[in-house]
Amino acid sequence: MPEEERSGELRKAGHEWKNMLLGAALALVAGCCGVGTTETDCQPLIRIGVLSDTQSYPDENNHGQLFLKEALANLHKAQIDVLIYGGDISDNGNPHVYADYREIMRHEFGSTPPEQILIMGNHDYWNGLPAGEARKNFARNIGQESPDVHKEIKGFTFIGLSPEDGSLHGTYTAGKSGKFLAPILEKAHREQPGKPVFIVTHHPPRNTVYGADDWGNSDLVELFRNYPEIVNFSGHTHYSIEDERAIFQQDFTAVASQSLSYAELESGKTPGTVPAYGGDEGRYLIVDVYPERMEIRRFDKNGEEVKPEARWVLPLPLARKSFRYTAERAARRGAPEFPGGSECGIYFPSVPFDKALLTFDAAKHEDFVHSYALVLEKRNPSGNFEPAGEILFFSDFPQGVNRMLARPLFEIPGEKLEANTEYRAKLYAIESFGKRSSVPLECGFTTPEKKSGRN
C-alpha cells in the first residue's frame, strides 16, 4: 500500500476509534454517572488485574501460594474482567502447582472466573524437561492450548508471550516470538491506532522499567518499538513498583508488576539484593480503562492501595507525543534534603568490633528517598584526611514507602573500616532517579580495635 494511502487509512481508523470512545463515554455517563457522582464513579470499559512471580511449590503454606490467595480474593472483590499472570507461577515447573492455581481460582472466583492471560516465566521451565516439553507441560496443566495466548476481550487485544526457553534473560526471537506477534500487532495498529494492546511478557524489555537494565531483554524492544499502542506488563525483576521507574514510556508503554513472592533490588548497595523483609512485600496492579484514559493502581498483597495520590494515568488514544512517563521525568524531580536540625551518629555495639551502626534523621523528598551514600575520609599518618571510599545503602522503602522510619539504622560492614582510625563521614540522600541532597549530614568517629581475623 502506498505510504500516502496507508496514512489516510490510519487517520480514518483513528477517527473511528475516537468516535467509538466518545460513544462509550456518553453511554457511561447516561448509564452510571448521575447527579452527585463524578466520572471516576463510573464503571471502566474494562478492568484488569495484573500479578506475577509467585514462584510457588506444592505446599499450601508457602508464601507465594498464600499471597496469591489474598491477591485473588481482593481482585474478585474488585470485579476484574481479565487476570494477567506474568509467569513464574511455579518455582520449578511443577504440575501440582498449576493444579493448585486452578483450584485457588475456583475457590476465589467460583463459577464466574475472569478471562485469563497466563504465561510462562523462566522458573516454569526449570523442571529438567527440554524446552518444548516444558511448554507442553505448562499448557496442559494450566489449561491452555499454548503458552502463547491471543484473546479479544471486550473489544481490546490481549497477548501473552512466553519466553522461548528458561534462560535467565529470556529468548524472544523474530522467527518465533516475532512471527506470533506481528500479524496481531499489525492488525491492531492498522484498524484502531492508539487503542491499547495489552501484552504480558515475563521479562521486561531492556532499559525500560526499574530493573530492566539488569534483567531485561533487548529483542523485546525491537519487537515492540513500532507500536505505540502496546502496554507491556512484565515480572521477573521483583523490583518495587512503588518506585516511579516501574513505568516507562518511549516507543511504547512498559509497566512492571513486582512479585507476589518476594521483593528484590539491584546489586551494589548494602545490605544486599533481597531485603530481610522482602518475603512479606507482595504487590499487584489493577488497570482501569476509561474512554479517555487508562488508570493504573498499585496494591499490596492485603488489598491496600499503594501511593493512591500518585496513580499512573495515561491519556487515550496512546500516542508518543502524549507520553508522560518518559526519561525526561528525571529532570523535573527535586533532590532530597535533610530537615534542619538533622543529626547522624556512628557507634560500635561491641569492642573489639566487626561492624558499626549508623543512625540518623531521615531525609525528605517529594516522593521518597531510595538510598543513601556514606562518603568516608580517614586521617592518614601525616595528619591529613584522605578519601576512604563510599558505601551505598538502600533506604527502607521496600517495606512500603508509608512505613519508612523517621530515624533509620544502618549496619556498616566491619571490612569497610580500619581499626584505631579517625574518620569523617558525609551522608547524602538519593532519590530514585539519582539526584543527591545538596547538603550532607556530617559526623565524625574513631574506630576501636577490630575482632581478630577481620581486615
Protein backbone atom coordinates (compact mmCIF):
# COMPACT_ATOMS: atom_id res chain seq x y z
CA MET A 1 0.00 0.00 0.00
CA PRO A 2 1.46 3.43 -0.90
CA GLU A 3 2.52 5.46 2.15
CA GLU A 4 0.01 8.25 1.44
CA GLU A 5 -2.84 5.74 1.19
CA ARG A 6 -1.66 3.95 4.34
CA SER A 7 -1.55 7.26 6.24
CA GLY A 8 -5.06 8.03 5.12
CA GLU A 9 -6.29 4.66 6.27
CA LEU A 10 -4.63 5.15 9.66
CA ARG A 11 -6.21 8.58 10.08
CA LYS A 12 -9.61 7.14 9.19
CA ALA A 13 -9.17 4.27 11.64
CA GLY A 14 -8.03 6.73 14.31
CA HIS A 15 -11.19 8.83 13.83
CA GLU A 16 -13.31 5.69 14.11
CA TRP A 17 -11.56 4.75 17.39
CA LYS A 18 -12.10 8.25 18.78
CA ASN A 19 -15.76 8.17 17.77
CA MET A 20 -16.15 4.82 19.48
CA LEU A 21 -14.60 6.25 22.65
CA LEU A 22 -16.95 9.23 22.54
CA GLY A 23 -19.93 6.95 22.15
CA ALA A 24 -18.78 4.81 25.03
CA ALA A 25 -18.25 7.88 27.18
CA LEU A 26 -21.77 9.11 26.52
CA ALA A 27 -23.17 5.68 27.26
CA LEU A 28 -21.29 5.53 30.54
CA VAL A 29 -22.42 8.98 31.57
CA ALA A 30 -26.02 8.10 30.75
CA GLY A 31 -25.80 4.73 32.47
CA CYS A 32 -23.99 5.37 35.73
CA CYS A 33 -22.95 8.98 36.22
CA GLY A 34 -25.98 10.59 37.72
CA VAL A 35 -26.35 13.68 39.87
CA GLY A 36 -23.76 13.82 42.64
CA THR A 37 -21.35 11.38 41.00
CA THR A 38 -18.06 12.00 39.29
CA GLU A 39 -16.54 10.39 36.23
CA THR A 40 -14.40 8.15 38.42
CA ASP A 41 -17.57 6.70 39.93
CA CYS A 42 -18.43 5.23 36.53
CA GLN A 43 -17.59 1.70 35.54
CA PRO A 44 -14.49 1.40 33.34
CA LEU A 45 -14.71 -0.11 29.89
CA ILE A 46 -12.58 -2.95 31.21
CA ARG A 47 -10.82 -3.73 34.49
CA ILE A 48 -7.63 -5.81 34.52
CA GLY A 49 -5.74 -7.42 37.38
CA VAL A 50 -2.00 -7.94 36.88
CA LEU A 51 0.23 -10.12 39.04
CA SER A 52 3.39 -12.15 38.63
CA ASP A 53 6.12 -14.31 40.13
CA THR A 54 4.56 -16.34 42.92
CA GLN A 55 7.27 -18.97 42.31
CA SER A 56 5.18 -21.46 44.26
CA TYR A 57 5.90 -25.06 45.20
CA PRO A 58 3.47 -27.80 46.29
CA ASP A 59 2.94 -26.69 49.88
CA GLU A 60 -0.17 -24.78 50.83
CA ASN A 61 1.80 -22.86 53.45
CA ASN A 62 4.43 -21.41 51.10
CA HIS A 63 4.14 -17.65 51.00
CA GLY A 64 3.75 -17.47 47.21
CA GLN A 65 0.55 -19.51 47.40
CA LEU A 66 -0.69 -17.65 50.47
CA PHE A 67 -0.10 -14.24 48.87
CA LEU A 68 -1.78 -15.46 45.68
CA LYS A 69 -4.92 -16.41 47.61
CA GLU A 70 -5.05 -12.98 49.24
CA ALA A 71 -4.48 -11.16 45.98
CA LEU A 72 -7.08 -13.18 44.07
CA ALA A 73 -9.65 -12.67 46.82
CA ASN A 74 -9.12 -8.92 46.55
CA LEU A 75 -9.21 -8.99 42.76
CA HIS A 76 -12.50 -10.89 42.93
CA LYS A 77 -13.93 -8.14 45.14
CA ALA A 78 -12.66 -5.59 42.62
CA GLN A 79 -14.69 -7.37 39.91
CA ILE A 80 -11.90 -7.64 37.37
CA ASP A 81 -12.75 -8.67 33.82
CA VAL A 82 -9.30 -10.04 32.99
CA LEU A 83 -6.50 -11.59 35.03
CA ILE A 84 -2.96 -11.28 33.65
CA TYR A 85 -0.34 -13.54 35.24
CA GLY A 86 3.20 -12.69 34.20
CA GLY A 87 4.91 -16.04 34.64
CA ASP A 88 6.91 -17.90 37.29
CA ILE A 89 3.67 -19.40 38.52
CA SER A 90 5.73 -22.36 39.75
CA ASP A 91 9.22 -22.29 41.20
CA ASN A 92 10.28 -25.24 39.04
CA GLY A 93 7.54 -26.10 36.55
CA ASN A 94 5.81 -28.49 38.94
CA PRO A 95 2.43 -29.61 37.52
CA HIS A 96 0.95 -29.84 41.03
CA VAL A 97 1.42 -26.06 41.40
CA TYR A 98 -0.58 -25.44 38.23
CA ALA A 99 -3.34 -27.68 39.57
CA ASP A 100 -3.20 -25.73 42.84
CA TYR A 101 -3.55 -22.47 40.91
CA ARG A 102 -6.67 -23.72 39.13
CA GLU A 103 -8.16 -24.85 42.44
CA ILE A 104 -7.40 -21.48 44.06
CA MET A 105 -9.11 -19.74 41.14
CA ARG A 106 -12.18 -21.93 41.57
CA HIS A 107 -12.24 -21.22 45.29
CA GLU A 108 -11.90 -17.45 44.93
CA PHE A 109 -14.00 -16.83 41.80
CA GLY A 110 -16.42 -19.75 41.80
CA SER A 111 -18.25 -20.37 38.53
CA THR A 112 -17.57 -16.90 37.07
CA PRO A 113 -13.82 -16.50 36.74
CA PRO A 114 -12.35 -13.62 34.75
CA GLU A 115 -10.72 -14.15 31.39
CA GLN A 116 -7.14 -15.26 31.99
CA ILE A 117 -3.89 -14.50 30.19
CA LEU A 118 -1.31 -16.88 31.68
CA ILE A 119 2.30 -17.18 30.53
CA MET A 120 5.49 -18.99 31.47
CA GLY A 121 8.46 -17.47 33.22
CA ASN A 122 11.97 -18.86 33.32
CA HIS A 123 11.17 -20.81 36.51
CA ASP A 124 8.32 -22.60 34.74
CA TYR A 125 10.97 -24.23 32.51
CA TRP A 126 13.17 -25.39 35.38
CA ASN A 127 11.85 -28.94 35.67
CA GLY A 128 14.53 -30.83 33.76
CA LEU A 129 12.45 -31.15 30.59
CA PRO A 130 13.56 -29.92 27.14
CA ALA A 131 12.09 -26.51 26.38
CA GLY A 132 9.45 -27.90 24.01
CA GLU A 133 8.28 -30.47 26.56
CA ALA A 134 8.27 -27.87 29.34
CA ARG A 135 5.95 -25.70 27.23
CA LYS A 136 3.59 -28.63 26.71
CA ASN A 137 3.72 -29.39 30.44
CA PHE A 138 2.71 -25.81 31.24
CA ALA A 139 -0.09 -25.56 28.70
CA ARG A 140 -1.56 -28.95 29.55
CA ASN A 141 -1.57 -28.41 33.31
CA ILE A 142 -2.56 -24.74 33.37
CA GLY A 143 -5.45 -25.39 30.97
CA GLN A 144 -4.41 -23.53 27.80
CA GLU A 145 -3.78 -24.67 24.25
CA SER A 146 -0.42 -22.91 24.17
CA PRO A 147 1.93 -20.89 26.41
CA ASP A 148 1.39 -18.04 23.90
CA VAL A 149 -2.06 -16.51 24.04
CA HIS A 150 -4.13 -14.10 21.94
CA LYS A 151 -7.62 -13.06 23.02
CA GLU A 152 -10.01 -10.28 22.10
CA ILE A 153 -11.83 -9.26 25.30
CA LYS A 154 -14.48 -6.55 25.48
CA GLY A 155 -13.05 -5.02 22.32
CA PHE A 156 -9.42 -4.98 23.50
CA THR A 157 -6.49 -7.06 22.26
CA PHE A 158 -4.63 -9.16 24.83
CA ILE A 159 -1.45 -11.09 24.13
CA GLY A 160 0.50 -13.41 26.39
CA LEU A 161 4.02 -14.07 25.11
CA SER A 162 6.01 -16.71 26.98
CA PRO A 163 9.80 -16.82 26.68
CA GLU A 164 11.01 -19.49 24.29
CA ASP A 165 13.21 -21.16 26.91
CA GLY A 166 14.21 -20.96 30.56
CA SER A 167 17.27 -18.73 30.20
CA LEU A 168 17.65 -16.06 32.84
CA HIS A 169 17.31 -13.12 30.46
CA GLY A 170 14.79 -14.79 28.16
CA THR A 171 14.73 -15.65 24.47
CA TYR A 172 12.29 -13.92 22.11
CA THR A 173 13.36 -14.44 18.50
CA ALA A 174 11.93 -12.76 15.43
CA GLY A 175 11.44 -16.19 13.86
CA LYS A 176 9.20 -17.49 16.63
CA SER A 177 8.01 -14.77 19.03
CA GLY A 178 8.00 -12.15 16.27
CA LYS A 179 6.11 -14.41 13.89
CA PHE A 180 3.41 -14.89 16.54
CA LEU A 181 3.18 -11.17 17.37
CA ALA A 182 3.47 -9.44 14.01
CA PRO A 183 0.07 -10.20 12.43
CA ILE A 184 -1.80 -9.38 15.65
CA LEU A 185 0.04 -6.11 16.19
CA GLU A 186 -0.20 -5.03 12.55
CA LYS A 187 -3.95 -5.64 12.50
CA ALA A 188 -4.50 -3.71 15.74
CA HIS A 189 -2.30 -0.83 14.58
CA ARG A 190 -3.99 -0.69 11.18
CA GLU A 191 -7.57 -0.89 12.37
CA GLN A 192 -7.50 1.08 15.64
CA PRO A 193 -4.28 3.04 16.08
CA GLY A 194 -3.89 4.37 19.60
CA LYS A 195 -6.19 1.81 21.19
CA PRO A 196 -4.29 -0.07 23.93
CA VAL A 197 -2.93 -3.50 23.06
CA PHE A 198 -2.04 -5.35 26.26
CA ILE A 199 0.98 -7.66 26.09
CA VAL A 200 2.35 -9.58 29.05
CA THR A 201 5.90 -10.93 28.95
CA HIS A 202 7.83 -12.40 31.83
CA HIS A 203 10.95 -10.39 31.10
CA PRO A 204 10.80 -6.61 30.72
CA PRO A 205 12.09 -5.01 27.53
CA ARG A 206 15.65 -3.95 28.27
CA ASN A 207 16.31 -0.45 29.64
CA THR A 208 12.66 0.36 30.21
CA VAL A 209 11.26 -0.19 33.73
CA TYR A 210 13.16 -0.28 37.03
CA GLY A 211 15.44 -3.32 36.92
CA ALA A 212 15.24 -3.83 33.16
CA ASP A 213 18.85 -2.71 32.76
CA ASP A 214 19.87 -5.76 34.81
CA TRP A 215 17.16 -8.28 33.88
CA GLY A 216 15.60 -7.06 30.63
CA ASN A 217 15.58 -8.48 27.12
CA SER A 218 16.75 -6.42 24.13
CA ASP A 219 14.83 -8.40 21.49
CA LEU A 220 11.52 -7.36 23.04
CA VAL A 221 12.39 -3.71 22.42
CA GLU A 222 12.81 -4.44 18.71
CA LEU A 223 9.58 -6.46 18.54
CA PHE A 224 7.57 -3.67 20.23
CA ARG A 225 9.19 -0.47 19.03
CA ASN A 226 6.88 0.28 16.07
CA TYR A 227 3.65 0.05 18.05
CA PRO A 228 2.87 2.94 20.44
CA GLU A 229 -0.41 1.13 21.28
CA ILE A 230 1.46 -1.53 23.24
CA VAL A 231 1.08 -1.60 27.01
CA ASN A 232 3.54 -4.23 28.18
CA PHE A 233 3.28 -5.77 31.64
CA SER A 234 6.26 -7.74 32.92
CA GLY A 235 7.51 -9.54 36.01
CA HIS A 236 10.87 -11.24 36.62
CA THR A 237 12.76 -8.39 38.32
CA HIS A 238 10.82 -8.41 41.63
CA TYR A 239 11.82 -4.72 41.88
CA SER A 240 9.49 -2.38 43.76
CA ILE A 241 6.55 -0.89 41.88
CA GLU A 242 6.48 1.90 44.46
CA ASP A 243 9.49 3.27 42.60
CA GLU A 244 8.24 5.57 39.83
CA ARG A 245 10.68 3.99 37.39
CA ALA A 246 8.35 0.97 37.36
CA ILE A 247 6.52 2.64 34.47
CA PHE A 248 8.31 3.90 31.37
CA GLN A 249 7.25 5.26 28.00
CA GLN A 250 9.35 5.84 24.92
CA ASP A 251 8.25 3.97 21.81
CA PHE A 252 5.59 2.07 23.81
CA THR A 253 4.45 1.76 27.43
CA ALA A 254 6.23 -0.65 29.79
CA VAL A 255 4.89 -1.42 33.28
CA ALA A 256 6.48 -3.66 35.92
CA SER A 257 4.35 -5.75 38.28
CA GLN A 258 6.92 -6.62 41.01
CA SER A 259 6.15 -10.05 42.51
CA LEU A 260 3.80 -11.89 44.83
CA SER A 261 6.69 -13.92 46.20
CA TYR A 262 9.45 -11.62 47.45
CA ALA A 263 10.99 -8.23 46.73
CA GLU A 264 14.41 -7.83 45.17
CA LEU A 265 16.70 -4.89 44.45
CA GLU A 266 19.71 -4.02 42.32
CA SER A 267 23.20 -5.05 43.33
CA GLY A 268 25.90 -2.75 44.67
CA LYS A 269 24.23 -1.48 47.83
CA THR A 270 24.09 -2.61 51.44
CA PRO A 271 22.51 -4.79 52.81
CA GLY A 272 22.13 -6.71 49.53
CA THR A 273 19.66 -7.53 46.78
CA VAL A 274 16.98 -9.24 48.90
CA PRO A 275 15.79 -7.17 51.89
CA ALA A 276 15.29 -9.00 55.18
CA TYR A 277 11.57 -8.20 54.97
CA GLY A 278 11.38 -8.82 51.20
CA GLY A 279 9.37 -12.01 51.61
CA ASP A 280 6.43 -10.09 53.03
CA GLU A 281 6.09 -7.48 50.32
CA GLY A 282 3.89 -8.88 47.54
CA ARG A 283 2.39 -6.37 45.12
CA TYR A 284 -0.05 -6.40 42.18
CA LEU A 285 -1.81 -3.97 39.84
CA ILE A 286 -5.36 -3.06 38.86
CA VAL A 287 -5.77 -1.36 35.49
CA ASP A 288 -8.95 0.54 34.60
CA VAL A 289 -9.54 1.67 31.03
CA TYR A 290 -11.94 4.59 30.60
CA PRO A 291 -12.91 6.24 27.32
CA GLU A 292 -10.28 8.97 27.58
CA ARG A 293 -7.64 7.50 29.89
CA MET A 294 -6.11 4.41 31.45
CA GLU A 295 -5.53 4.40 35.20
CA ILE A 296 -3.08 2.02 36.89
CA ARG A 297 -3.31 1.47 40.63
CA ARG A 298 -0.77 -0.35 42.80
CA PHE A 299 -1.77 -2.63 45.69
CA ASP A 300 -0.06 -4.60 48.42
CA LYS A 301 -0.98 -8.23 48.98
CA ASN A 302 -3.54 -7.22 51.60
CA GLY A 303 -5.51 -5.14 49.11
CA GLU A 304 -4.40 -1.73 50.36
CA GLU A 305 -3.68 0.73 47.56
CA VAL A 306 -0.08 1.88 47.49
CA LYS A 307 0.60 5.58 46.75
CA PRO A 308 -3.05 6.38 45.87
CA GLU A 309 -2.06 10.01 45.39
CA ALA A 310 0.28 9.00 42.55
CA ARG A 311 -1.75 6.71 40.31
CA TRP A 312 -0.35 6.29 36.82
CA VAL A 313 -2.73 7.92 34.35
CA LEU A 314 -2.25 7.51 30.58
CA PRO A 315 -4.27 9.67 28.18
CA LEU A 316 -6.01 7.82 25.37
CA PRO A 317 -5.59 7.25 22.49
CA LEU A 318 -1.99 6.26 23.13
CA ALA A 319 0.45 8.39 21.14
CA ARG A 320 4.13 9.08 21.70
CA LYS A 321 3.54 12.83 21.74
CA SER A 322 1.33 12.48 24.82
CA PHE A 323 3.55 10.04 26.75
CA ARG A 324 4.09 11.29 30.31
CA TYR A 325 6.34 8.69 31.88
CA THR A 326 9.46 9.26 29.83
CA ALA A 327 13.13 9.67 30.72
CA GLU A 328 12.55 13.43 30.91
CA ARG A 329 10.85 12.93 34.29
CA ALA A 330 14.25 12.80 35.97
CA ALA A 331 14.98 16.45 35.21
CA ARG A 332 11.69 17.58 36.75
CA ARG A 333 12.27 15.90 40.10
CA GLY A 334 13.84 17.65 43.05
CA ALA A 335 16.68 16.34 45.17
CA PRO A 336 16.03 15.01 48.68
CA GLU A 337 17.12 17.11 51.64
CA PHE A 338 17.69 16.63 55.34
CA PRO A 339 15.39 18.74 57.55
CA GLY A 340 17.01 21.45 59.63
CA GLY A 341 18.47 20.13 62.86
CA SER A 342 19.04 16.61 61.50
CA GLU A 343 21.89 14.66 63.03
CA CYS A 344 23.82 11.48 62.38
CA GLY A 345 25.97 9.28 64.57
CA ILE A 346 28.14 6.18 64.22
CA TYR A 347 28.77 3.81 67.12
CA PHE A 348 30.09 0.33 67.80
CA PRO A 349 27.79 -2.20 69.51
CA SER A 350 30.78 -4.28 70.67
CA VAL A 351 34.50 -3.81 71.14
CA PRO A 352 36.59 -5.20 69.51
CA PHE A 353 34.24 -4.50 66.59
CA ASP A 354 33.15 -6.38 63.49
CA LYS A 355 30.60 -3.78 62.43
CA ALA A 356 29.48 -0.25 63.10
CA LEU A 357 25.97 1.16 63.25
CA LEU A 358 24.90 4.37 61.54
CA THR A 359 21.80 6.17 62.81
CA PHE A 360 20.42 9.47 61.55
CA ASP A 361 17.34 11.60 60.91
CA ALA A 362 15.85 10.51 57.59
CA ALA A 363 15.92 12.87 54.64
CA LYS A 364 12.73 14.08 52.97
CA HIS A 365 11.65 14.01 49.33
CA GLU A 366 8.51 14.75 47.31
CA ASP A 367 8.35 11.01 46.51
CA PHE A 368 10.65 9.00 48.79
CA VAL A 369 14.36 8.54 49.49
CA HIS A 370 15.61 5.50 47.61
CA SER A 371 19.10 5.19 49.09
CA TYR A 372 21.93 6.92 50.93
CA ALA A 373 25.63 7.38 50.22
CA LEU A 374 28.09 7.50 53.11
CA VAL A 375 31.31 9.15 51.91
CA LEU A 376 34.26 8.44 54.20
CA GLU A 377 37.58 10.19 54.78
CA LYS A 378 40.25 8.88 57.15
CA ARG A 379 43.14 10.64 58.85
CA ASN A 380 46.46 9.41 57.46
CA PRO A 381 49.81 9.22 59.32
CA SER A 382 50.70 12.74 58.17
CA GLY A 383 47.65 14.12 59.92
CA ASN A 384 45.61 14.92 56.81
CA PHE A 385 42.28 13.42 55.77
CA GLU A 386 42.17 11.36 52.59
CA PRO A 387 39.32 9.62 50.71
CA ALA A 388 38.38 6.28 52.24
CA GLY A 389 35.58 5.13 49.98
CA GLU A 390 31.83 5.39 49.63
CA ILE A 391 29.21 2.99 50.97
CA LEU A 392 25.75 2.88 49.37
CA PHE A 393 22.76 1.86 51.46
CA PHE A 394 19.18 1.15 50.44
CA SER A 395 16.66 3.05 52.48
CA ASP A 396 13.84 1.00 53.99
CA PHE A 397 11.42 1.85 51.14
CA PRO A 398 10.92 -1.79 50.00
CA GLN A 399 8.81 -2.45 53.11
CA GLY A 400 6.42 0.26 51.90
CA VAL A 401 7.00 3.99 51.50
CA ASN A 402 4.28 4.66 54.07
CA ARG A 403 6.20 2.62 56.65
CA MET A 404 9.64 4.19 56.32
CA LEU A 405 11.34 5.04 59.62
CA ALA A 406 11.96 8.60 60.77
CA ARG A 407 15.33 7.54 62.19
CA PRO A 408 16.82 4.62 60.23
CA LEU A 409 19.61 2.37 61.49
CA PHE A 410 22.15 1.00 59.00
CA GLU A 411 24.93 -1.50 59.51
CA ILE A 412 28.40 -0.64 58.22
CA PRO A 413 30.33 -3.85 57.45
CA GLY A 414 33.50 -4.12 59.50
CA GLU A 415 35.64 -4.73 56.41
CA LYS A 416 34.86 -1.18 55.25
CA LEU A 417 36.68 0.32 58.26
CA GLU A 418 40.22 0.16 59.65
CA ALA A 419 40.98 -0.27 63.33
CA ASN A 420 42.09 2.64 65.53
CA THR A 421 41.46 5.22 62.81
CA GLU A 422 39.81 8.62 62.89
CA TYR A 423 37.11 9.14 60.23
CA ARG A 424 34.98 11.94 58.89
CA ALA A 425 31.71 10.95 57.23
CA LYS A 426 29.29 12.77 54.95
CA LEU A 427 25.86 11.27 54.37
CA TYR A 428 23.93 12.10 51.17
CA ALA A 429 20.33 11.13 50.40
CA ILE A 430 19.49 9.87 46.89
CA GLU A 431 16.10 9.74 45.15
CA SER A 432 15.05 7.09 42.62
CA PHE A 433 16.37 8.86 39.54
CA GLY A 434 19.77 9.56 41.12
CA LYS A 435 19.64 13.14 42.43
CA ARG A 436 21.59 13.64 45.65
CA SER A 437 20.97 16.02 48.50
CA SER A 438 22.99 19.21 48.15
CA VAL A 439 23.91 19.46 51.84
CA PRO A 440 25.02 16.25 53.57
CA LEU A 441 24.84 15.29 57.21
CA GLU A 442 28.31 15.18 58.73
CA CYS A 443 29.61 13.16 61.64
CA GLY A 444 32.99 12.05 62.90
CA PHE A 445 34.11 8.93 64.76
CA THR A 446 37.16 6.91 65.72
CA THR A 447 37.24 3.15 65.37
CA PRO A 448 38.37 0.91 68.25
CA GLU A 449 40.19 -2.41 67.95
CA LYS A 450 38.85 -4.95 65.44
CA LYS A 451 37.90 -8.51 66.18
CA SER A 452 40.70 -10.90 65.30
CA GLY A 453 40.60 -12.25 61.80
CA ARG A 454 38.97 -9.08 60.45
CA ASN A 455 40.79 -6.99 57.86
